[in-house]
Amino acid sequence: MAGIDKIIGTRAQYWELRDWLEENERFFRWAIASEDEYESETQRLTIANFSRVEDFYLWCNCPIPWVKARLIEQYGANGPCSEGS
């Protein structure tokens, strides 16, 4: 199975994930949204589109609850570690 389709979020979520990716120097180039694209604080846009390799890294390392929730939504309770995913 391919990676999660997309991580979609608000401007605040964009900055939360972007800052974490930058701090961890991982996969930053896939943070594809721009803060300028948000027209309001509640608007939800695509923040990133990762492959399964990045999903696995996020699953094991990213402490952001809504990112983990998106991984569970895509892969199930065991995340990208699930057999047959």
C-alpha atoms as a PDB file:
ATOM      1  CA  MET A   1       0.000   0.000   0.000  1.00  0.00           C
ATOM      2  CA  ALA A   2       1.203   3.498  -0.692  1.00  0.00           C
ATOM      3  CA  GLY A   3       1.755   5.992   2.060  1.00  0.00           C
ATOM      4  CA  ILE A   4      -0.987   8.053   3.582  1.00  0.00           C
ATOM      5  CA  ASP A   5      -2.884   9.919   0.943  1.00  0.00           C
ATOM      6  CA  LYS A   6      -2.277  13.324   2.446  1.00  0.00           C
ATOM      7  CA  ILE A   7      -1.919  15.079   5.734  1.00  0.00           C
ATOM      8  CA  ILE A   8      -4.515  17.825   5.751  1.00  0.00           C
ATOM      9  CA  GLY A   9      -4.670  20.489   8.408  1.00  0.00           C
ATOM     10  CA  THR A  10      -5.182  24.044   9.515  1.00  0.00           C
ATOM     11  CA  ARG A  11      -2.571  26.779   9.498  1.00  0.00           C
ATOM     12  CA  ALA A  12      -1.673  25.998  13.125  1.00  0.00           C
ATOM     13  CA  GLN A  13      -1.275  22.306  12.286  1.00  0.00           C
ATOM     14  CA  TYR A  14       0.830  23.231   9.265  1.00  0.00           C
ATOM     15  CA  TRP A  15       3.258  25.133  11.498  1.00  0.00           C
ATOM     16  CA  GLU A  16       3.247  22.417  14.151  1.00  0.00           C
ATOM     17  CA  LEU A  17       4.217  19.724  11.646  1.00  0.00           C
ATOM     18  CA  ARG A  18       6.574  21.949   9.685  1.00  0.00           C
ATOM     19  CA  ASP A  19       8.434  22.958  12.846  1.00  0.00           C
ATOM     20  CA  TRP A  20       8.728  19.336  13.965  1.00  0.00           C
ATOM     21  CA  LEU A  21       9.994  18.224  10.543  1.00  0.00           C
ATOM     22  CA  GLU A  22      12.506  21.059  10.493  1.00  0.00           C
ATOM     23  CA  GLU A  23      13.723  20.302  14.027  1.00  0.00           C
ATOM     24  CA  ASN A  24      14.169  16.658  13.111  1.00  0.00           C
ATOM     25  CA  GLU A  25      15.697  17.442   9.708  1.00  0.00           C
ATOM     26  CA  ARG A  26      13.546  14.755   8.151  1.00  0.00           C
ATOM     27  CA  PHE A  27      11.410  14.817   5.046  1.00  0.00           C
ATOM     28  CA  PHE A  28      11.087  18.583   5.173  1.00  0.00           C
ATOM     29  CA  ARG A  29      10.924  18.812   1.394  1.00  0.00           C
ATOM     30  CA  TRP A  30       7.530  17.073   1.457  1.00  0.00           C
ATOM     31  CA  ALA A  31       5.907  19.840   3.473  1.00  0.00           C
ATOM     32  CA  ILE A  32       4.177  21.079   0.351  1.00  0.00           C
ATOM     33  CA  ALA A  33       1.745  23.682   1.599  1.00  0.00           C
ATOM     34  CA  SER A  34       2.660  27.281   2.091  1.00  0.00           C
ATOM     35  CA  GLU A  35       1.340  29.424   4.889  1.00  0.00           C
ATOM     36  CA  ASP A  36       0.341  31.932   2.211  1.00  0.00           C
ATOM     37  CA  GLU A  37      -2.207  29.459   0.816  1.00  0.00           C
ATOM     38  CA  TYR A  38      -4.360  29.666   3.952  1.00  0.00           C
ATOM     39  CA  GLU A  39      -7.142  32.228   3.726  1.00  0.00           C
ATOM     40  CA  SER A  40      -8.342  31.683   7.310  1.00  0.00           C
ATOM     41  CA  GLU A  41      -7.203  30.021  10.525  1.00  0.00           C
ATOM     42  CA  THR A  42      -9.781  27.241  10.154  1.00  0.00           C
ATOM     43  CA  GLN A  43      -9.231  26.461   6.468  1.00  0.00           C
ATOM     44  CA  ARG A  44      -7.842  22.945   5.938  1.00  0.00           C
ATOM     45  CA  LEU A  45      -5.294  22.367   3.175  1.00  0.00           C
ATOM     46  CA  THR A  46      -2.898  19.618   2.198  1.00  0.00           C
ATOM     47  CA  ILE A  47       0.208  19.982   4.332  1.00  0.00           C
ATOM     48  CA  ALA A  48       2.188  16.991   3.094  1.00  0.00           C
ATOM     49  CA  ASN A  49       2.042  13.800   1.072  1.00  0.00           C
ATOM     50  CA  PHE A  50       4.382  11.077   2.334  1.00  0.00           C
ATOM     51  CA  SER A  51       5.358   7.594   1.187  1.00  0.00           C
ATOM     52  CA  ARG A  52       5.162   4.550   3.463  1.00  0.00           C
ATOM     53  CA  VAL A  53       8.836   5.008   4.459  1.00  0.00           C
ATOM     54  CA  GLU A  54       8.083   8.469   5.827  1.00  0.00           C
ATOM     55  CA  ASP A  55       4.848   7.216   7.388  1.00  0.00           C
ATOM     56  CA  PHE A  56       6.843   4.587   9.288  1.00  0.00           C
ATOM     57  CA  TYR A  57       9.297   7.256  10.493  1.00  0.00           C
ATOM     58  CA  LEU A  58       6.418   9.475  11.609  1.00  0.00           C
ATOM     59  CA  TRP A  59       4.745   6.535  13.371  1.00  0.00           C
ATOM     60  CA  CYS A  60       7.889   5.757  15.341  1.00  0.00           C
ATOM     61  CA  ASN A  61       9.032   9.312  16.034  1.00  0.00           C
ATOM     62  CA  CYS A  62       6.422  12.033  15.614  1.00  0.00           C
ATOM     63  CA  PRO A  63       4.767  13.041  18.907  1.00  0.00           C
ATOM     64  CA  ILE A  64       1.949  15.043  17.259  1.00  0.00           C
ATOM     65  CA  PRO A  65      -1.373  13.328  18.136  1.00  0.00           C
ATOM     66  CA  TRP A  66      -3.304  14.366  15.022  1.00  0.00           C
ATOM     67  CA  VAL A  67      -0.513  13.013  12.766  1.00  0.00           C
ATOM     68  CA  LYS A  68      -0.671   9.665  14.601  1.00  0.00           C
ATOM     69  CA  ALA A  69      -4.478   9.720  14.245  1.00  0.00           C
ATOM     70  CA  ARG A  70      -4.136  10.161  10.480  1.00  0.00           C
ATOM     71  CA  LEU A  71      -1.724   7.218  10.309  1.00  0.00           C
ATOM     72  CA  ILE A  72      -4.197   5.073  12.273  1.00  0.00           C
ATOM     73  CA  GLU A  73      -6.980   6.181   9.928  1.00  0.00           C
ATOM     74  CA  GLN A  74      -4.931   5.025   6.939  1.00  0.00           C
ATOM     75  CA  TYR A  75      -3.297   1.869   8.295  1.00  0.00           C
ATOM     76  CA  GLY A  76      -5.312   0.758  11.325  1.00  0.00           C
ATOM     77  CA  ALA A  77      -4.370   0.500  14.990  1.00  0.00           C
ATOM     78  CA  ASN A  78      -0.831  -0.770  14.346  1.00  0.00           C
ATOM     79  CA  GLY A  79       0.000   2.032  11.933  1.00  0.00           C
ATOM     80  CA  PRO A  80       2.305   1.371   8.980  1.00  0.00           C
ATOM     81  CA  CYS A  81       3.765  -1.578  10.903  1.00  0.00           C
ATOM     82  CA  SER A  82       0.594  -3.582  10.199  1.00  0.00           C
ATOM     83  CA  GLU A  83       1.044  -6.727   8.161  1.00  0.00           C
ATOM     84  CA  GLY A  84      -0.834  -6.646   4.896  1.00  0.00           C
ATOM     85  CA  SER A  85      -1.134  -2.857   4.867  1.00  0.00           C
END
